[in-house]
All heavy atoms as atom14 arrays in JSON, in Angstrom:
{
  "sequence": "CQGMSSGTIMVKYILRNSLIQVITVMAGLLVGLLT",
  "atom14_mask": [
    [1, 1, 1, 1, 1, 1, 0, 0, 0, 0, 0, 0, 0, 0],
    [1, 1, 1, 1, 1, 1, 1, 1, 1, 0, 0, 0, 0, 0],
    [1, 1, 1, 1, 0, 0, 0, 0, 0, 0, 0, 0, 0, 0],
    [1, 1, 1, 1, 1, 1, 1, 1, 0, 0, 0, 0, 0, 0],
    [1, 1, 1, 1, 1, 1, 0, 0, 0, 0, 0, 0, 0, 0],
    [1, 1, 1, 1, 1, 1, 0, 0, 0, 0, 0, 0, 0, 0],
    [1, 1, 1, 1, 0, 0, 0, 0, 0, 0, 0, 0, 0, 0],
    [1, 1, 1, 1, 1, 1, 1, 0, 0, 0, 0, 0, 0, 0],
    [1, 1, 1, 1, 1, 1, 1, 1, 0, 0, 0, 0, 0, 0],
    [1, 1, 1, 1, 1, 1, 1, 1, 0, 0, 0, 0, 0, 0],
    [1, 1, 1, 1, 1, 1, 1, 0, 0, 0, 0, 0, 0, 0],
    [1, 1, 1, 1, 1, 1, 1, 1, 1, 0, 0, 0, 0, 0],
    [1, 1, 1, 1, 1, 1, 1, 1, 1, 1, 1, 1, 0, 0],
    [1, 1, 1, 1, 1, 1, 1, 1, 0, 0, 0, 0, 0, 0],
    [1, 1, 1, 1, 1, 1, 1, 1, 0, 0, 0, 0, 0, 0],
    [1, 1, 1, 1, 1, 1, 1, 1, 1, 1, 1, 0, 0, 0],
    [1, 1, 1, 1, 1, 1, 1, 1, 0, 0, 0, 0, 0, 0],
    [1, 1, 1, 1, 1, 1, 0, 0, 0, 0, 0, 0, 0, 0],
    [1, 1, 1, 1, 1, 1, 1, 1, 0, 0, 0, 0, 0, 0],
    [1, 1, 1, 1, 1, 1, 1, 1, 0, 0, 0, 0, 0, 0],
    [1, 1, 1, 1, 1, 1, 1, 1, 1, 0, 0, 0, 0, 0],
    [1, 1, 1, 1, 1, 1, 1, 0, 0, 0, 0, 0, 0, 0],
    [1, 1, 1, 1, 1, 1, 1, 1, 0, 0, 0, 0, 0, 0],
    [1, 1, 1, 1, 1, 1, 1, 0, 0, 0, 0, 0, 0, 0],
    [1, 1, 1, 1, 1, 1, 1, 0, 0, 0, 0, 0, 0, 0],
    [1, 1, 1, 1, 1, 1, 1, 1, 0, 0, 0, 0, 0, 0],
    [1, 1, 1, 1, 1, 0, 0, 0, 0, 0, 0, 0, 0, 0],
    [1, 1, 1, 1, 0, 0, 0, 0, 0, 0, 0, 0, 0, 0],
    [1, 1, 1, 1, 1, 1, 1, 1, 0, 0, 0, 0, 0, 0],
    [1, 1, 1, 1, 1, 1, 1, 1, 0, 0, 0, 0, 0, 0],
    [1, 1, 1, 1, 1, 1, 1, 0, 0, 0, 0, 0, 0, 0],
    [1, 1, 1, 1, 0, 0, 0, 0, 0, 0, 0, 0, 0, 0],
    [1, 1, 1, 1, 1, 1, 1, 1, 0, 0, 0, 0, 0, 0],
    [1, 1, 1, 1, 1, 1, 1, 1, 0, 0, 0, 0, 0, 0],
    [1, 1, 1, 1, 1, 1, 1, 0, 0, 0, 0, 0, 0, 0]
  ],
  "atom14_positions": [
    [[29.29, -41.63, 20.73], [28.76, -42.36, 21.86], [28.69, -41.55, 23.1], [27.87, -41.76, 24.03], [29.64, -43.58, 22.1], [29.59, -44.82, 20.8], [0.0, 0.0, 0.0], [0.0, 0.0, 0.0], [0.0, 0.0, 0.0], [0.0, 0.0, 0.0], [0.0, 0.0, 0.0], [0.0, 0.0, 0.0], [0.0, 0.0, 0.0], [0.0, 0.0, 0.0]],
    [[29.54, -40.53, 23.22], [29.55, -39.65, 24.41], [28.51, -38.58, 24.3], [28.36, -37.73, 25.21], [30.92, -39.03, 24.56], [32.02, -39.96, 24.96], [33.41, -39.35, 25.05], [33.64, -38.3, 24.41], [34.31, -39.98, 25.71], [0.0, 0.0, 0.0], [0.0, 0.0, 0.0], [0.0, 0.0, 0.0], [0.0, 0.0, 0.0], [0.0, 0.0, 0.0]],
    [[27.74, -38.57, 23.17], [26.69, -37.6, 23.02], [27.1, -36.27, 22.47], [26.3, -35.32, 22.57], [0.0, 0.0, 0.0], [0.0, 0.0, 0.0], [0.0, 0.0, 0.0], [0.0, 0.0, 0.0], [0.0, 0.0, 0.0], [0.0, 0.0, 0.0], [0.0, 0.0, 0.0], [0.0, 0.0, 0.0], [0.0, 0.0, 0.0], [0.0, 0.0, 0.0]],
    [[28.27, -36.18, 21.91], [28.7, -34.88, 21.31], [27.85, -34.55, 20.09], [27.49, -35.4, 19.34], [30.18, -35.0, 20.92], [30.86, -33.68, 20.64], [32.64, -33.85, 20.3], [33.19, -34.27, 21.96], [0.0, 0.0, 0.0], [0.0, 0.0, 0.0], [0.0, 0.0, 0.0], [0.0, 0.0, 0.0], [0.0, 0.0, 0.0], [0.0, 0.0, 0.0]],
    [[27.54, -33.3, 19.99], [26.68, -32.84, 18.86], [27.37, -33.0, 17.53], [28.62, -33.05, 17.4], [26.25, -31.37, 19.04], [27.41, -30.57, 18.95], [0.0, 0.0, 0.0], [0.0, 0.0, 0.0], [0.0, 0.0, 0.0], [0.0, 0.0, 0.0], [0.0, 0.0, 0.0], [0.0, 0.0, 0.0], [0.0, 0.0, 0.0], [0.0, 0.0, 0.0]],
    [[26.52, -33.14, 16.44], [27.04, -33.34, 15.09], [27.9, -32.1, 14.67], [28.98, -32.29, 14.08], [25.94, -33.51, 14.13], [25.18, -34.66, 14.41], [0.0, 0.0, 0.0], [0.0, 0.0, 0.0], [0.0, 0.0, 0.0], [0.0, 0.0, 0.0], [0.0, 0.0, 0.0], [0.0, 0.0, 0.0], [0.0, 0.0, 0.0], [0.0, 0.0, 0.0]],
    [[27.46, -30.91, 15.05], [28.2, -29.72, 14.68], [29.56, -29.7, 15.31], [30.61, -29.35, 14.65], [0.0, 0.0, 0.0], [0.0, 0.0, 0.0], [0.0, 0.0, 0.0], [0.0, 0.0, 0.0], [0.0, 0.0, 0.0], [0.0, 0.0, 0.0], [0.0, 0.0, 0.0], [0.0, 0.0, 0.0], [0.0, 0.0, 0.0], [0.0, 0.0, 0.0]],
    [[29.67, -30.08, 16.56], [31.0, -30.07, 17.28], [31.9, -31.11, 16.68], [33.1, -30.88, 16.52], [30.73, -30.36, 18.74], [29.84, -29.4, 19.29], [32.04, -30.34, 19.56], [0.0, 0.0, 0.0], [0.0, 0.0, 0.0], [0.0, 0.0, 0.0], [0.0, 0.0, 0.0], [0.0, 0.0, 0.0], [0.0, 0.0, 0.0], [0.0, 0.0, 0.0]],
    [[31.33, -32.32, 16.39], [32.14, -33.35, 15.8], [32.67, -32.95, 14.42], [33.88, -33.13, 14.09], [31.34, -34.6, 15.66], [30.93, -35.22, 17.03], [32.06, -35.7, 14.81], [30.03, -36.44, 16.98], [0.0, 0.0, 0.0], [0.0, 0.0, 0.0], [0.0, 0.0, 0.0], [0.0, 0.0, 0.0], [0.0, 0.0, 0.0], [0.0, 0.0, 0.0]],
    [[31.87, -32.26, 13.62], [32.28, -31.83, 12.33], [33.39, -30.83, 12.4], [34.43, -30.9, 11.65], [31.12, -31.2, 11.52], [31.51, -30.72, 10.13], [30.08, -30.01, 9.23], [29.18, -31.49, 8.83], [0.0, 0.0, 0.0], [0.0, 0.0, 0.0], [0.0, 0.0, 0.0], [0.0, 0.0, 0.0], [0.0, 0.0, 0.0], [0.0, 0.0, 0.0]],
    [[33.27, -29.81, 13.32], [34.32, -28.79, 13.36], [35.57, -29.29, 14.11], [36.7, -29.04, 13.65], [33.74, -27.57, 14.16], [34.82, -26.52, 14.41], [32.59, -26.98, 13.37], [0.0, 0.0, 0.0], [0.0, 0.0, 0.0], [0.0, 0.0, 0.0], [0.0, 0.0, 0.0], [0.0, 0.0, 0.0], [0.0, 0.0, 0.0], [0.0, 0.0, 0.0]],
    [[35.4, -29.98, 15.21], [36.54, -30.35, 16.06], [37.33, -31.52, 15.54], [38.6, -31.52, 15.63], [36.05, -30.75, 17.46], [37.14, -30.92, 18.48], [36.58, -31.14, 19.89], [37.7, -31.32, 20.93], [37.18, -31.49, 22.27], [0.0, 0.0, 0.0], [0.0, 0.0, 0.0], [0.0, 0.0, 0.0], [0.0, 0.0, 0.0], [0.0, 0.0, 0.0]],
    [[36.69, -32.43, 14.86], [37.35, -33.67, 14.4], [37.44, -33.8, 12.85], [38.52, -33.85, 12.3], [36.73, -34.92, 14.98], [36.8, -35.03, 16.48], [35.68, -34.8, 17.26], [37.99, -35.22, 17.14], [35.71, -34.88, 18.63], [38.08, -35.31, 18.5], [36.94, -35.12, 19.25], [36.99, -35.21, 20.64], [0.0, 0.0, 0.0], [0.0, 0.0, 0.0]],
    [[36.29, -33.74, 12.25], [36.25, -34.02, 10.8], [36.89, -32.92, 10.02], [37.73, -33.18, 9.12], [34.78, -34.24, 10.33], [34.17, -35.44, 11.07], [34.71, -34.46, 8.86], [32.73, -35.68, 10.75], [0.0, 0.0, 0.0], [0.0, 0.0, 0.0], [0.0, 0.0, 0.0], [0.0, 0.0, 0.0], [0.0, 0.0, 0.0], [0.0, 0.0, 0.0]],
    [[36.51, -31.67, 10.24], [37.03, -30.58, 9.49], [38.6, -30.43, 9.66], [39.31, -30.36, 8.66], [36.39, -29.22, 9.88], [36.93, -27.94, 9.22], [36.82, -28.07, 7.72], [36.22, -26.75, 9.75], [0.0, 0.0, 0.0], [0.0, 0.0, 0.0], [0.0, 0.0, 0.0], [0.0, 0.0, 0.0], [0.0, 0.0, 0.0], [0.0, 0.0, 0.0]],
    [[39.04, -30.47, 10.87], [40.47, -30.26, 11.18], [41.31, -31.36, 10.52], [42.36, -31.11, 9.91], [40.69, -30.23, 12.66], [42.13, -29.97, 13.01], [42.31, -29.68, 14.51], [43.71, -29.36, 14.83], [44.11, -29.02, 16.06], [43.27, -28.93, 17.02], [45.38, -28.77, 16.26], [0.0, 0.0, 0.0], [0.0, 0.0, 0.0], [0.0, 0.0, 0.0]],
    [[40.87, -32.6, 10.6], [41.71, -33.69, 10.05], [41.54, -33.75, 8.54], [42.5, -34.22, 7.88], [41.24, -35.04, 10.65], [41.73, -35.2, 12.08], [42.84, -35.56, 12.37], [40.81, -34.9, 13.03], [0.0, 0.0, 0.0], [0.0, 0.0, 0.0], [0.0, 0.0, 0.0], [0.0, 0.0, 0.0], [0.0, 0.0, 0.0], [0.0, 0.0, 0.0]],
    [[40.47, -33.26, 8.02], [40.33, -33.25, 6.56], [41.17, -32.18, 5.89], [41.55, -32.28, 4.71], [38.86, -33.03, 6.19], [38.06, -34.07, 6.72], [0.0, 0.0, 0.0], [0.0, 0.0, 0.0], [0.0, 0.0, 0.0], [0.0, 0.0, 0.0], [0.0, 0.0, 0.0], [0.0, 0.0, 0.0], [0.0, 0.0, 0.0], [0.0, 0.0, 0.0]],
    [[41.5, -31.12, 6.63], [42.3, -30.04, 6.08], [43.73, -30.4, 5.7], [44.3, -29.73, 4.89], [42.33, -28.83, 7.09], [41.02, -28.05, 7.21], [41.23, -26.97, 8.25], [40.67, -27.42, 5.87], [0.0, 0.0, 0.0], [0.0, 0.0, 0.0], [0.0, 0.0, 0.0], [0.0, 0.0, 0.0], [0.0, 0.0, 0.0], [0.0, 0.0, 0.0]],
    [[44.23, -31.51, 6.26], [45.62, -31.85, 5.97], [45.77, -32.09, 4.45], [46.68, -31.6, 3.79], [46.04, -33.1, 6.77], [46.0, -32.79, 8.26], [47.39, -33.57, 6.32], [47.05, -31.76, 8.68], [0.0, 0.0, 0.0], [0.0, 0.0, 0.0], [0.0, 0.0, 0.0], [0.0, 0.0, 0.0], [0.0, 0.0, 0.0], [0.0, 0.0, 0.0]],
    [[44.89, -32.98, 3.89], [44.98, -33.24, 2.49], [44.53, -32.11, 1.62], [45.05, -31.95, 0.51], [44.12, -34.51, 2.16], [44.62, -35.8, 2.71], [46.06, -36.12, 2.25], [46.36, -35.89, 1.04], [46.92, -36.6, 3.12], [0.0, 0.0, 0.0], [0.0, 0.0, 0.0], [0.0, 0.0, 0.0], [0.0, 0.0, 0.0], [0.0, 0.0, 0.0]],
    [[43.63, -31.28, 2.11], [43.18, -30.17, 1.35], [44.31, -29.14, 1.14], [44.53, -28.65, 0.06], [42.0, -29.46, 2.06], [41.66, -28.11, 1.39], [40.76, -30.35, 2.05], [0.0, 0.0, 0.0], [0.0, 0.0, 0.0], [0.0, 0.0, 0.0], [0.0, 0.0, 0.0], [0.0, 0.0, 0.0], [0.0, 0.0, 0.0], [0.0, 0.0, 0.0]],
    [[45.11, -28.94, 2.22], [46.25, -28.0, 2.15], [47.29, -28.54, 1.14], [47.92, -27.73, 0.43], [46.86, -27.85, 3.52], [45.98, -26.99, 4.39], [48.23, -27.25, 3.43], [46.42, -26.83, 5.82], [0.0, 0.0, 0.0], [0.0, 0.0, 0.0], [0.0, 0.0, 0.0], [0.0, 0.0, 0.0], [0.0, 0.0, 0.0], [0.0, 0.0, 0.0]],
    [[47.39, -29.86, 1.02], [48.36, -30.39, 0.09], [48.15, -29.96, -1.33], [49.08, -29.66, -2.08], [48.35, -31.95, 0.15], [48.56, -32.41, 1.48], [49.37, -32.59, -0.77], [0.0, 0.0, 0.0], [0.0, 0.0, 0.0], [0.0, 0.0, 0.0], [0.0, 0.0, 0.0], [0.0, 0.0, 0.0], [0.0, 0.0, 0.0], [0.0, 0.0, 0.0]],
    [[46.87, -29.86, -1.75], [46.59, -29.51, -3.16], [46.45, -28.01, -3.34], [46.4, -27.55, -4.49], [45.31, -30.24, -3.62], [45.47, -31.71, -3.55], [44.11, -29.78, -2.8], [0.0, 0.0, 0.0], [0.0, 0.0, 0.0], [0.0, 0.0, 0.0], [0.0, 0.0, 0.0], [0.0, 0.0, 0.0], [0.0, 0.0, 0.0], [0.0, 0.0, 0.0]],
    [[46.37, -27.27, -2.27], [46.15, -25.83, -2.38], [47.28, -25.09, -3.09], [47.05, -24.15, -3.85], [45.88, -25.21, -1.01], [44.47, -25.45, -0.49], [44.22, -24.8, 1.17], [44.45, -23.0, 0.86], [0.0, 0.0, 0.0], [0.0, 0.0, 0.0], [0.0, 0.0, 0.0], [0.0, 0.0, 0.0], [0.0, 0.0, 0.0], [0.0, 0.0, 0.0]],
    [[48.56, -25.48, -2.84], [49.71, -24.81, -3.41], [49.64, -24.88, -4.93], [49.77, -23.9, -5.63], [50.96, -25.38, -2.88], [0.0, 0.0, 0.0], [0.0, 0.0, 0.0], [0.0, 0.0, 0.0], [0.0, 0.0, 0.0], [0.0, 0.0, 0.0], [0.0, 0.0, 0.0], [0.0, 0.0, 0.0], [0.0, 0.0, 0.0], [0.0, 0.0, 0.0]],
    [[49.44, -26.16, -5.44], [49.43, -26.3, -6.88], [48.21, -25.56, -7.46], [48.34, -24.97, -8.55], [0.0, 0.0, 0.0], [0.0, 0.0, 0.0], [0.0, 0.0, 0.0], [0.0, 0.0, 0.0], [0.0, 0.0, 0.0], [0.0, 0.0, 0.0], [0.0, 0.0, 0.0], [0.0, 0.0, 0.0], [0.0, 0.0, 0.0], [0.0, 0.0, 0.0]],
    [[47.07, -25.55, -6.84], [45.9, -24.85, -7.3], [46.09, -23.36, -7.36], [45.75, -22.67, -8.32], [44.7, -25.21, -6.41], [44.12, -26.57, -6.52], [42.99, -26.78, -5.51], [43.54, -26.84, -7.96], [0.0, 0.0, 0.0], [0.0, 0.0, 0.0], [0.0, 0.0, 0.0], [0.0, 0.0, 0.0], [0.0, 0.0, 0.0], [0.0, 0.0, 0.0]],
    [[46.79, -22.82, -6.32], [46.96, -21.36, -6.27], [47.87, -20.9, -7.39], [47.53, -19.98, -8.12], [47.57, -20.97, -4.94], [47.88, -19.49, -4.78], [46.63, -18.63, -4.98], [48.45, -19.24, -3.38], [0.0, 0.0, 0.0], [0.0, 0.0, 0.0], [0.0, 0.0, 0.0], [0.0, 0.0, 0.0], [0.0, 0.0, 0.0], [0.0, 0.0, 0.0]],
    [[49.01, -21.58, -7.55], [49.9, -21.17, -8.66], [49.3, -21.45, -10.01], [49.47, -20.68, -10.97], [51.26, -21.89, -8.49], [52.2, -21.55, -9.68], [51.92, -21.57, -7.2], [0.0, 0.0, 0.0], [0.0, 0.0, 0.0], [0.0, 0.0, 0.0], [0.0, 0.0, 0.0], [0.0, 0.0, 0.0], [0.0, 0.0, 0.0], [0.0, 0.0, 0.0]],
    [[48.51, -22.53, -10.1], [47.79, -22.8, -11.32], [46.79, -21.67, -11.65], [46.6, -21.34, -12.83], [0.0, 0.0, 0.0], [0.0, 0.0, 0.0], [0.0, 0.0, 0.0], [0.0, 0.0, 0.0], [0.0, 0.0, 0.0], [0.0, 0.0, 0.0], [0.0, 0.0, 0.0], [0.0, 0.0, 0.0], [0.0, 0.0, 0.0], [0.0, 0.0, 0.0]],
    [[46.19, -21.12, -10.63], [45.22, -20.02, -10.85], [45.97, -18.77, -11.37], [45.5, -18.09, -12.3], [44.5, -19.63, -9.54], [43.31, -20.5, -9.1], [42.79, -19.99, -7.81], [42.23, -20.5, -10.17], [0.0, 0.0, 0.0], [0.0, 0.0, 0.0], [0.0, 0.0, 0.0], [0.0, 0.0, 0.0], [0.0, 0.0, 0.0], [0.0, 0.0, 0.0]],
    [[47.13, -18.47, -10.79], [47.9, -17.28, -11.18], [48.39, -17.42, -12.6], [48.45, -16.43, -13.32], [49.05, -17.06, -10.2], [48.61, -16.78, -8.74], [49.82, -16.62, -7.86], [47.76, -15.47, -8.7], [0.0, 0.0, 0.0], [0.0, 0.0, 0.0], [0.0, 0.0, 0.0], [0.0, 0.0, 0.0], [0.0, 0.0, 0.0], [0.0, 0.0, 0.0]],
    [[48.81, -18.63, -12.99], [49.31, -18.79, -14.33], [48.16, -19.05, -15.3], [48.25, -18.63, -16.47], [50.32, -19.93, -14.4], [49.7, -21.12, -13.89], [51.52, -19.63, -13.58], [0.0, 0.0, 0.0], [0.0, 0.0, 0.0], [0.0, 0.0, 0.0], [0.0, 0.0, 0.0], [0.0, 0.0, 0.0], [0.0, 0.0, 0.0], [0.0, 0.0, 0.0]]
  ]
}
């Protein structure tokens, strides 16, 4: 509503908040890759 661009919204809000759950699964995926 404030006229912020789609790219700024994606990086500043959507990407940052989405990373929380992504980080949760990264540990298991990394060790799973190594084994």
